[in-house]
Amino acid sequence: KNIRFTETVLRDGQQSQIATRMPTEDMLPILHTMDQA
């Protein structure tokens, strides 16, 4: 059966653990890989 995944690390994952303090510069280098996942 098919089941899809929504990845939350850029919003709720980091909001729930570090009160949303992750700057954009931490996200940009990995976005291409996330986009291919």
PDB file of all heavy atoms in Angstrom:
ATOM      1  N   LYS A   1       0.863  -1.178   0.000  1.00  0.00           N
ATOM      2  CA  LYS A   1       0.000   0.000   0.000  1.00  0.00           C
ATOM      3  C   LYS A   1       0.899   1.227   0.000  1.00  0.00           C
ATOM      4  O   LYS A   1       2.029   1.182   0.490  1.00  0.00           O
ATOM      5  CB  LYS A   1      -0.887  -0.006   1.245  1.00  0.00           C
ATOM      6  CG  LYS A   1      -1.981  -1.069   1.209  1.00  0.00           C
ATOM      7  CD  LYS A   1      -2.776  -1.104   2.494  1.00  0.00           C
ATOM      8  CE  LYS A   1      -1.995  -1.782   3.608  1.00  0.00           C
ATOM      9  NZ  LYS A   1      -2.794  -1.991   4.827  1.00  0.00           N
ATOM     10  N   ASN A   2       0.380   2.322  -0.509  1.00  0.00           N
ATOM     11  CA  ASN A   2       1.167   3.557  -0.555  1.00  0.00           C
ATOM     12  C   ASN A   2       0.930   4.396   0.692  1.00  0.00           C
ATOM     13  O   ASN A   2      -0.207   4.546   1.135  1.00  0.00           O
ATOM     14  CB  ASN A   2       0.792   4.389  -1.791  1.00  0.00           C
ATOM     15  CG  ASN A   2       1.227   3.710  -3.066  1.00  0.00           C
ATOM     16  OD1 ASN A   2       2.247   3.026  -3.090  1.00  0.00           O
ATOM     17  ND2 ASN A   2       0.458   3.878  -4.132  1.00  0.00           N
ATOM     18  N   ILE A   3       2.014   4.945   1.226  1.00  0.00           N
ATOM     19  CA  ILE A   3       1.895   5.932   2.300  1.00  0.00           C
ATOM     20  C   ILE A   3       2.988   6.966   2.085  1.00  0.00           C
ATOM     21  O   ILE A   3       4.136   6.618   1.804  1.00  0.00           O
ATOM     22  CB  ILE A   3       1.980   5.276   3.702  1.00  0.00           C
ATOM     23  CG1 ILE A   3       1.627   6.304   4.786  1.00  0.00           C
ATOM     24  CG2 ILE A   3       3.352   4.654   3.969  1.00  0.00           C
ATOM     25  CD1 ILE A   3       1.289   5.675   6.126  1.00  0.00           C
ATOM     26  N   ARG A   4       2.626   8.235   2.139  1.00  0.00           N
ATOM     27  CA  ARG A   4       3.595   9.301   1.870  1.00  0.00           C
ATOM     28  C   ARG A   4       3.980   9.992   3.177  1.00  0.00           C
ATOM     29  O   ARG A   4       3.288   9.899   4.185  1.00  0.00           O
ATOM     30  CB  ARG A   4       2.991  10.341   0.897  1.00  0.00           C
ATOM     31  CG  ARG A   4       2.543   9.771  -0.445  1.00  0.00           C
ATOM     32  CD  ARG A   4       3.684   9.175  -1.264  1.00  0.00           C
ATOM     33  NE  ARG A   4       4.803  10.105  -1.464  1.00  0.00           N
ATOM     34  CZ  ARG A   4       4.845  11.042  -2.402  1.00  0.00           C
ATOM     35  NH1 ARG A   4       3.826  11.205  -3.242  1.00  0.00           N
ATOM     36  NH2 ARG A   4       5.901  11.824  -2.529  1.00  0.00           N
ATOM     37  N   PHE A   5       5.109  10.726   3.119  1.00  0.00           N
ATOM     38  CA  PHE A   5       5.662  11.381   4.309  1.00  0.00           C
ATOM     39  C   PHE A   5       5.766  12.894   4.100  1.00  0.00           C
ATOM     40  O   PHE A   5       6.271  13.340   3.070  1.00  0.00           O
ATOM     41  CB  PHE A   5       7.074  10.846   4.592  1.00  0.00           C
ATOM     42  CG  PHE A   5       7.123   9.489   5.242  1.00  0.00           C
ATOM     43  CD1 PHE A   5       6.553   8.375   4.632  1.00  0.00           C
ATOM     44  CD2 PHE A   5       7.757   9.322   6.467  1.00  0.00           C
ATOM     45  CE1 PHE A   5       6.609   7.120   5.225  1.00  0.00           C
ATOM     46  CE2 PHE A   5       7.815   8.069   7.070  1.00  0.00           C
ATOM     47  CZ  PHE A   5       7.236   6.966   6.457  1.00  0.00           C
ATOM     48  N   THR A   6       5.307  13.657   5.088  1.00  0.00           N
ATOM     49  CA  THR A   6       5.589  15.097   5.142  1.00  0.00           C
ATOM     50  C   THR A   6       6.698  15.292   6.173  1.00  0.00           C
ATOM     51  O   THR A   6       6.574  14.848   7.321  1.00  0.00           O
ATOM     52  CB  THR A   6       4.333  15.903   5.528  1.00  0.00           C
ATOM     53  OG1 THR A   6       3.398  15.839   4.448  1.00  0.00           O
ATOM     54  CG2 THR A   6       4.672  17.366   5.801  1.00  0.00           C
ATOM     55  N   GLU A   7       7.790  15.921   5.756  1.00  0.00           N
ATOM     56  CA  GLU A   7       8.954  16.141   6.631  1.00  0.00           C
ATOM     57  C   GLU A   7       8.801  17.477   7.349  1.00  0.00           C
ATOM     58  O   GLU A   7       8.581  18.515   6.721  1.00  0.00           O
ATOM     59  CB  GLU A   7      10.236  16.120   5.791  1.00  0.00           C
ATOM     60  CG  GLU A   7      11.499  16.511   6.525  1.00  0.00           C
ATOM     61  CD  GLU A   7      11.785  15.662   7.751  1.00  0.00           C
ATOM     62  OE1 GLU A   7      11.851  14.420   7.623  1.00  0.00           O
ATOM     63  OE2 GLU A   7      11.939  16.256   8.841  1.00  0.00           O
ATOM     64  N   THR A   8       8.953  17.452   8.696  1.00  0.00           N
ATOM     65  CA  THR A   8       8.654  18.640   9.502  1.00  0.00           C
ATOM     66  C   THR A   8       9.872  19.354  10.092  1.00  0.00           C
ATOM     67  O   THR A   8       9.715  20.337  10.806  1.00  0.00           O
ATOM     68  CB  THR A   8       7.734  18.263  10.692  1.00  0.00           C
ATOM     69  OG1 THR A   8       8.477  17.434  11.602  1.00  0.00           O
ATOM     70  CG2 THR A   8       6.481  17.532  10.220  1.00  0.00           C
ATOM     71  N   VAL A   9      11.101  18.878   9.800  1.00  0.00           N
ATOM     72  CA  VAL A   9      12.270  19.416  10.511  1.00  0.00           C
ATOM     73  C   VAL A   9      12.436  20.931  10.333  1.00  0.00           C
ATOM     74  O   VAL A   9      12.919  21.626  11.233  1.00  0.00           O
ATOM     75  CB  VAL A   9      13.575  18.682  10.089  1.00  0.00           C
ATOM     76  CG1 VAL A   9      13.949  18.977   8.641  1.00  0.00           C
ATOM     77  CG2 VAL A   9      14.734  19.041  11.023  1.00  0.00           C
ATOM     78  N   LEU A  10      11.990  21.473   9.203  1.00  0.00           N
ATOM     79  CA  LEU A  10      12.175  22.900   8.941  1.00  0.00           C
ATOM     80  C   LEU A  10      11.155  23.774   9.675  1.00  0.00           C
ATOM     81  O   LEU A  10      11.318  24.987   9.754  1.00  0.00           O
ATOM     82  CB  LEU A  10      12.082  23.177   7.432  1.00  0.00           C
ATOM     83  CG  LEU A  10      13.064  22.404   6.541  1.00  0.00           C
ATOM     84  CD1 LEU A  10      12.835  22.730   5.073  1.00  0.00           C
ATOM     85  CD2 LEU A  10      14.510  22.688   6.935  1.00  0.00           C
ATOM     86  N   ARG A  11      10.088  23.143  10.221  1.00  0.00           N
ATOM     87  CA  ARG A  11       9.090  23.913  10.966  1.00  0.00           C
ATOM     88  C   ARG A  11       8.769  23.248  12.308  1.00  0.00           C
ATOM     89  O   ARG A  11       9.364  23.565  13.314  1.00  0.00           O
ATOM     90  CB  ARG A  11       7.820  24.118  10.126  1.00  0.00           C
ATOM     91  CG  ARG A  11       6.991  25.356  10.538  1.00  0.00           C
ATOM     92  CD  ARG A  11       6.196  25.235  11.810  1.00  0.00           C
ATOM     93  NE  ARG A  11       5.171  24.214  11.788  1.00  0.00           N
ATOM     94  CZ  ARG A  11       4.401  23.913  12.842  1.00  0.00           C
ATOM     95  NH1 ARG A  11       4.544  24.556  13.984  1.00  0.00           N
ATOM     96  NH2 ARG A  11       3.510  22.938  12.764  1.00  0.00           N
ATOM     97  N   ASP A  12       7.885  22.270  12.331  1.00  0.00           N
ATOM     98  CA  ASP A  12       7.432  21.761  13.625  1.00  0.00           C
ATOM     99  C   ASP A  12       8.508  20.986  14.367  1.00  0.00           C
ATOM    100  O   ASP A  12       8.571  21.029  15.593  1.00  0.00           O
ATOM    101  CB  ASP A  12       6.178  20.889  13.457  1.00  0.00           C
ATOM    102  CG  ASP A  12       5.388  20.774  14.759  1.00  0.00           C
ATOM    103  OD1 ASP A  12       5.657  21.556  15.684  1.00  0.00           O
ATOM    104  OD2 ASP A  12       4.501  19.910  14.844  1.00  0.00           O
ATOM    105  N   GLY A  13       9.376  20.272  13.638  1.00  0.00           N
ATOM    106  CA  GLY A  13      10.461  19.546  14.296  1.00  0.00           C
ATOM    107  C   GLY A  13      11.328  20.479  15.113  1.00  0.00           C
ATOM    108  O   GLY A  13      11.561  20.265  16.311  1.00  0.00           O
ATOM    109  N   GLN A  14      11.785  21.556  14.475  1.00  0.00           N
ATOM    110  CA  GLN A  14      12.643  22.500  15.206  1.00  0.00           C
ATOM    111  C   GLN A  14      11.837  23.402  16.137  1.00  0.00           C
ATOM    112  O   GLN A  14      12.325  23.833  17.177  1.00  0.00           O
ATOM    113  CB  GLN A  14      13.494  23.308  14.218  1.00  0.00           C
ATOM    114  CG  GLN A  14      12.724  24.142  13.229  1.00  0.00           C
ATOM    115  CD  GLN A  14      13.138  25.610  13.253  1.00  0.00           C
ATOM    116  OE1 GLN A  14      13.796  26.083  14.173  1.00  0.00           O
ATOM    117  NE2 GLN A  14      12.737  26.340  12.223  1.00  0.00           N
ATOM    118  N   GLN A  15      10.577  23.674  15.799  1.00  0.00           N
ATOM    119  CA  GLN A  15       9.748  24.481  16.702  1.00  0.00           C
ATOM    120  C   GLN A  15       9.525  23.747  18.016  1.00  0.00           C
ATOM    121  O   GLN A  15       9.565  24.340  19.095  1.00  0.00           O
ATOM    122  CB  GLN A  15       8.391  24.801  16.063  1.00  0.00           C
ATOM    123  CG  GLN A  15       7.491  25.657  16.958  1.00  0.00           C
ATOM    124  CD  GLN A  15       6.216  26.104  16.273  1.00  0.00           C
ATOM    125  OE1 GLN A  15       6.221  26.464  15.097  1.00  0.00           O
ATOM    126  NE2 GLN A  15       5.110  26.085  16.976  1.00  0.00           N
ATOM    127  N   SER A  16       9.315  22.439  17.934  1.00  0.00           N
ATOM    128  CA  SER A  16       9.018  21.643  19.128  1.00  0.00           C
ATOM    129  C   SER A  16      10.241  21.436  20.015  1.00  0.00           C
ATOM    130  O   SER A  16      10.094  21.136  21.196  1.00  0.00           O
ATOM    131  CB  SER A  16       8.467  20.270  18.717  1.00  0.00           C
ATOM    132  OG  SER A  16       7.254  20.413  18.018  1.00  0.00           O
ATOM    133  N   GLN A  17      11.440  21.590  19.464  1.00  0.00           N
ATOM    134  CA  GLN A  17      12.630  21.271  20.262  1.00  0.00           C
ATOM    135  C   GLN A  17      13.555  22.452  20.530  1.00  0.00           C
ATOM    136  O   GLN A  17      14.194  22.495  21.578  1.00  0.00           O
ATOM    137  CB  GLN A  17      13.398  20.132  19.580  1.00  0.00           C
ATOM    138  CG  GLN A  17      12.560  18.853  19.522  1.00  0.00           C
ATOM    139  CD  GLN A  17      13.371  17.590  19.399  1.00  0.00           C
ATOM    140  OE1 GLN A  17      14.491  17.601  18.910  1.00  0.00           O
ATOM    141  NE2 GLN A  17      12.796  16.489  19.823  1.00  0.00           N
ATOM    142  N   ILE A  18      13.622  23.403  19.604  1.00  0.00           N
ATOM    143  CA  ILE A  18      14.518  24.553  19.845  1.00  0.00           C
ATOM    144  C   ILE A  18      13.776  25.880  19.674  1.00  0.00           C
ATOM    145  O   ILE A  18      14.376  26.905  19.350  1.00  0.00           O
ATOM    146  CB  ILE A  18      15.782  24.507  18.936  1.00  0.00           C
ATOM    147  CG1 ILE A  18      15.395  24.390  17.452  1.00  0.00           C
ATOM    148  CG2 ILE A  18      16.708  23.376  19.357  1.00  0.00           C
ATOM    149  CD1 ILE A  18      16.554  24.613  16.481  1.00  0.00           C
ATOM    150  N   ALA A  19      12.444  25.830  19.915  1.00  0.00           N
ATOM    151  CA  ALA A  19      11.622  27.046  19.893  1.00  0.00           C
ATOM    152  C   ALA A  19      11.815  27.859  18.609  1.00  0.00           C
ATOM    153  O   ALA A  19      11.841  29.083  18.620  1.00  0.00           O
ATOM    154  CB  ALA A  19      11.903  27.905  21.121  1.00  0.00           C
ATOM    155  N   THR A  20      11.974  27.149  17.494  1.00  0.00           N
ATOM    156  CA  THR A  20      12.023  27.762  16.149  1.00  0.00           C
ATOM    157  C   THR A  20      13.201  28.701  15.953  1.00  0.00           C
ATOM    158  O   THR A  20      13.109  29.682  15.221  1.00  0.00           O
ATOM    159  CB  THR A  20      10.699  28.514  15.835  1.00  0.00           C
ATOM    160  OG1 THR A  20       9.644  27.967  16.631  1.00  0.00           O
ATOM    161  CG2 THR A  20      10.293  28.355  14.385  1.00  0.00           C
ATOM    162  N   ARG A  21      14.331  28.397  16.591  1.00  0.00           N
ATOM    163  CA  ARG A  21      15.489  29.298  16.501  1.00  0.00           C
ATOM    164  C   ARG A  21      16.435  28.966  15.348  1.00  0.00           C
ATOM    165  O   ARG A  21      17.490  29.569  15.229  1.00  0.00           O
ATOM    166  CB  ARG A  21      16.289  29.260  17.809  1.00  0.00           C
ATOM    167  CG  ARG A  21      15.560  29.743  19.036  1.00  0.00           C
ATOM    168  CD  ARG A  21      15.185  31.232  18.953  1.00  0.00           C
ATOM    169  NE  ARG A  21      14.947  31.767  20.271  1.00  0.00           N
ATOM    170  CZ  ARG A  21      13.812  31.652  20.942  1.00  0.00           C
ATOM    171  NH1 ARG A  21      12.800  31.014  20.381  1.00  0.00           N
ATOM    172  NH2 ARG A  21      13.676  32.173  22.148  1.00  0.00           N
ATOM    173  N   MET A  22      16.093  28.005  14.491  1.00  0.00           N
ATOM    174  CA  MET A  22      17.013  27.640  13.408  1.00  0.00           C
ATOM    175  C   MET A  22      17.003  28.703  12.313  1.00  0.00           C
ATOM    176  O   MET A  22      15.968  28.983  11.728  1.00  0.00           O
ATOM    177  CB  MET A  22      16.615  26.283  12.802  1.00  0.00           C
ATOM    178  CG  MET A  22      17.685  25.724  11.862  1.00  0.00           C
ATOM    179  SD  MET A  22      17.126  24.213  11.016  1.00  0.00           S
ATOM    180  CE  MET A  22      17.016  23.058  12.384  1.00  0.00           C
ATOM    181  N   PRO A  23      18.172  29.314  12.019  1.00  0.00           N
ATOM    182  CA  PRO A  23      18.214  30.327  10.961  1.00  0.00           C
ATOM    183  C   PRO A  23      18.153  29.687   9.569  1.00  0.00           C
ATOM    184  O   PRO A  23      18.462  28.501   9.397  1.00  0.00           O
ATOM    185  CB  PRO A  23      19.563  31.022  11.182  1.00  0.00           C
ATOM    186  CG  PRO A  23      20.408  30.008  11.885  1.00  0.00           C
ATOM    187  CD  PRO A  23      19.483  29.137  12.676  1.00  0.00           C
ATOM    188  N   THR A  24      17.771  30.483   8.591  1.00  0.00           N
ATOM    189  CA  THR A  24      17.643  29.982   7.217  1.00  0.00           C
ATOM    190  C   THR A  24      18.969  29.425   6.703  1.00  0.00           C
ATOM    191  O   THR A  24      18.990  28.439   5.968  1.00  0.00           O
ATOM    192  CB  THR A  24      17.144  31.118   6.288  1.00  0.00           C
ATOM    193  OG1 THR A  24      15.946  31.666   6.847  1.00  0.00           O
ATOM    194  CG2 THR A  24      16.848  30.614   4.890  1.00  0.00           C
ATOM    195  N   GLU A  25      20.078  30.034   7.104  1.00  0.00           N
ATOM    196  CA  GLU A  25      21.384  29.586   6.585  1.00  0.00           C
ATOM    197  C   GLU A  25      21.688  28.138   6.977  1.00  0.00           C
ATOM    198  O   GLU A  25      22.457  27.462   6.295  1.00  0.00           O
ATOM    199  CB  GLU A  25      22.503  30.519   7.043  1.00  0.00           C
ATOM    200  CG  GLU A  25      22.741  30.516   8.539  1.00  0.00           C
ATOM    201  CD  GLU A  25      23.831  31.492   8.959  1.00  0.00           C
ATOM    202  OE1 GLU A  25      24.170  32.398   8.175  1.00  0.00           O
ATOM    203  OE2 GLU A  25      24.334  31.349  10.101  1.00  0.00           O
ATOM    204  N   ASP A  26      21.069  27.645   8.070  1.00  0.00           N
ATOM    205  CA  ASP A  26      21.247  26.238   8.443  1.00  0.00           C
ATOM    206  C   ASP A  26      20.483  25.303   7.501  1.00  0.00           C
ATOM    207  O   ASP A  26      20.801  24.119   7.413  1.00  0.00           O
ATOM    208  CB  ASP A  26      20.749  25.990   9.874  1.00  0.00           C
ATOM    209  CG  ASP A  26      21.739  26.457  10.935  1.00  0.00           C
ATOM    210  OD1 ASP A  26      22.907  26.712  10.583  1.00  0.00           O
ATOM    211  OD2 ASP A  26      21.346  26.572  12.110  1.00  0.00           O
ATOM    212  N   MET A  27      19.469  25.843   6.848  1.00  0.00           N
ATOM    213  CA  MET A  27      18.584  25.014   6.014  1.00  0.00           C
ATOM    214  C   MET A  27      19.049  24.921   4.563  1.00  0.00           C
ATOM    215  O   MET A  27      18.941  23.863   3.929  1.00  0.00           O
ATOM    216  CB  MET A  27      17.161  25.601   6.037  1.00  0.00           C
ATOM    217  CG  MET A  27      16.568  25.776   7.423  1.00  0.00           C
ATOM    218  SD  MET A  27      14.990  26.668   7.343  1.00  0.00           S
ATOM    219  CE  MET A  27      14.636  26.846   9.101  1.00  0.00           C
ATOM    220  N   LEU A  28      19.538  26.023   4.037  1.00  0.00           N
ATOM    221  CA  LEU A  28      19.785  26.125   2.589  1.00  0.00           C
ATOM    222  C   LEU A  28      20.700  25.035   2.017  1.00  0.00           C
ATOM    223  O   LEU A  28      20.396  24.483   0.955  1.00  0.00           O
ATOM    224  CB  LEU A  28      20.329  27.516   2.247  1.00  0.00           C
ATOM    225  CG  LEU A  28      19.359  28.682   2.476  1.00  0.00           C
ATOM    226  CD1 LEU A  28      20.038  30.020   2.195  1.00  0.00           C
ATOM    227  CD2 LEU A  28      18.107  28.551   1.612  1.00  0.00           C
ATOM    228  N   PRO A  29      21.827  24.663   2.680  1.00  0.00           N
ATOM    229  CA  PRO A  29      22.745  23.712   2.043  1.00  0.00           C
ATOM    230  C   PRO A  29      22.157  22.316   1.802  1.00  0.00           C
ATOM    231  O   PRO A  29      22.647  21.580   0.951  1.00  0.00           O
ATOM    232  CB  PRO A  29      23.922  23.631   3.037  1.00  0.00           C
ATOM    233  CG  PRO A  29      23.804  24.842   3.889  1.00  0.00           C
ATOM    234  CD  PRO A  29      22.351  25.159   3.964  1.00  0.00           C
ATOM    235  N   ILE A  30      21.121  21.931   2.537  1.00  0.00           N
ATOM    236  CA  ILE A  30      20.602  20.560   2.435  1.00  0.00           C
ATOM    237  C   ILE A  30      19.308  20.486   1.618  1.00  0.00           C
ATOM    238  O   ILE A  30      18.786  19.394   1.351  1.00  0.00           O
ATOM    239  CB  ILE A  30      20.381  19.961   3.861  1.00  0.00           C
ATOM    240  CG1 ILE A  30      20.247  18.423   3.824  1.00  0.00           C
ATOM    241  CG2 ILE A  30      19.160  20.587   4.551  1.00  0.00           C
ATOM    242  CD1 ILE A  30      21.450  17.679   3.316  1.00  0.00           C
ATOM    243  N   LEU A  31      18.788  21.618   1.181  1.00  0.00           N
ATOM    244  CA  LEU A  31      17.471  21.630   0.525  1.00  0.00           C
ATOM    245  C   LEU A  31      17.444  20.816  -0.767  1.00  0.00           C
ATOM    246  O   LEU A  31      16.455  20.149  -1.070  1.00  0.00           O
ATOM    247  CB  LEU A  31      17.019  23.065   0.253  1.00  0.00           C
ATOM    248  CG  LEU A  31      16.657  23.879   1.510  1.00  0.00           C
ATOM    249  CD1 LEU A  31      16.325  25.316   1.133  1.00  0.00           C
ATOM    250  CD2 LEU A  31      15.497  23.251   2.272  1.00  0.00           C
ATOM    251  N   HIS A  32      18.528  20.845  -1.531  1.00  0.00           N
ATOM    252  CA  HIS A  32      18.557  20.100  -2.792  1.00  0.00           C
ATOM    253  C   HIS A  32      18.392  18.601  -2.504  1.00  0.00           C
ATOM    254  O   HIS A  32      17.611  17.904  -3.178  1.00  0.00           O
ATOM    255  CB  HIS A  32      19.861  20.358  -3.557  1.00  0.00           C
ATOM    256  CG  HIS A  32      19.949  19.597  -4.848  1.00  0.00           C
ATOM    257  ND1 HIS A  32      19.186  19.919  -5.954  1.00  0.00           N
ATOM    258  CD2 HIS A  32      20.689  18.505  -5.194  1.00  0.00           C
ATOM    259  CE1 HIS A  32      19.455  19.055  -6.934  1.00  0.00           C
ATOM    260  NE2 HIS A  32      20.361  18.191  -6.492  1.00  0.00           N
ATOM    261  N   THR A  33      19.102  18.105  -1.483  1.00  0.00           N
ATOM    262  CA  THR A  33      18.993  16.690  -1.106  1.00  0.00           C
ATOM    263  C   THR A  33      17.583  16.368  -0.610  1.00  0.00           C
ATOM    264  O   THR A  33      16.997  15.346  -0.975  1.00  0.00           O
ATOM    265  CB  THR A  33      20.022  16.335  -0.006  1.00  0.00           C
ATOM    266  OG1 THR A  33      21.321  16.721  -0.464  1.00  0.00           O
ATOM    267  CG2 THR A  33      20.017  14.857   0.322  1.00  0.00           C
ATOM    268  N   MET A  34      17.016  17.256   0.206  1.00  0.00           N
ATOM    269  CA  MET A  34      15.648  17.043   0.707  1.00  0.00           C
ATOM    270  C   MET A  34      14.646  17.009  -0.454  1.00  0.00           C
ATOM    271  O   MET A  34      13.687  16.236  -0.442  1.00  0.00           O
ATOM    272  CB  MET A  34      15.269  18.134   1.717  1.00  0.00           C
ATOM    273  CG  MET A  34      16.086  18.092   2.997  1.00  0.00           C
ATOM    274  SD  MET A  34      15.624  19.372   4.191  1.00  0.00           S
ATOM    275  CE  MET A  34      14.162  18.633   4.928  1.00  0.00           C
ATOM    276  N   ASP A  35      14.900  17.843  -1.441  1.00  0.00           N
ATOM    277  CA  ASP A  35      14.010  17.917  -2.606  1.00  0.00           C
ATOM    278  C   ASP A  35      14.039  16.626  -3.430  1.00  0.00           C
ATOM    279  O   ASP A  35      13.080  16.304  -4.136  1.00  0.00           O
ATOM    280  CB  ASP A  35      14.414  19.120  -3.477  1.00  0.00           C
ATOM    281  CG  ASP A  35      13.364  19.466  -4.518  1.00  0.00           C
ATOM    282  OD1 ASP A  35      12.181  19.120  -4.326  1.00  0.00           O
ATOM    283  OD2 ASP A  35      13.730  20.088  -5.540  1.00  0.00           O
ATOM    284  N   GLN A  36      15.152  15.902  -3.343  1.00  0.00           N
ATOM    285  CA  GLN A  36      15.299  14.650  -4.112  1.00  0.00           C
ATOM    286  C   GLN A  36      14.879  13.416  -3.305  1.00  0.00           C
ATOM    287  O   GLN A  36      14.937  12.298  -3.805  1.00  0.00           O
ATOM    288  CB  GLN A  36      16.775  14.463  -4.536  1.00  0.00           C
ATOM    289  CG  GLN A  36      17.366  15.607  -5.343  1.00  0.00           C
ATOM    290  CD  GLN A  36      16.648  15.822  -6.668  1.00  0.00           C
ATOM    291  OE1 GLN A  36      16.350  14.864  -7.373  1.00  0.00           O
ATOM    292  NE2 GLN A  36      16.361  17.071  -6.997  1.00  0.00           N
ATOM    293  N   ALA A  37      14.473  13.607  -2.048  1.00  0.00           N
ATOM    294  CA  ALA A  37      14.270  12.458  -1.149  1.00  0.00           C
ATOM    295  C   ALA A  37      12.913  11.778  -1.314  1.00  0.00           C
ATOM    296  O   ALA A  37      12.698  10.697  -0.761  1.00  0.00           O
ATOM    297  CB  ALA A  37      14.455  12.897   0.300  1.00  0.00           C
TER     298      ALA A  37
END
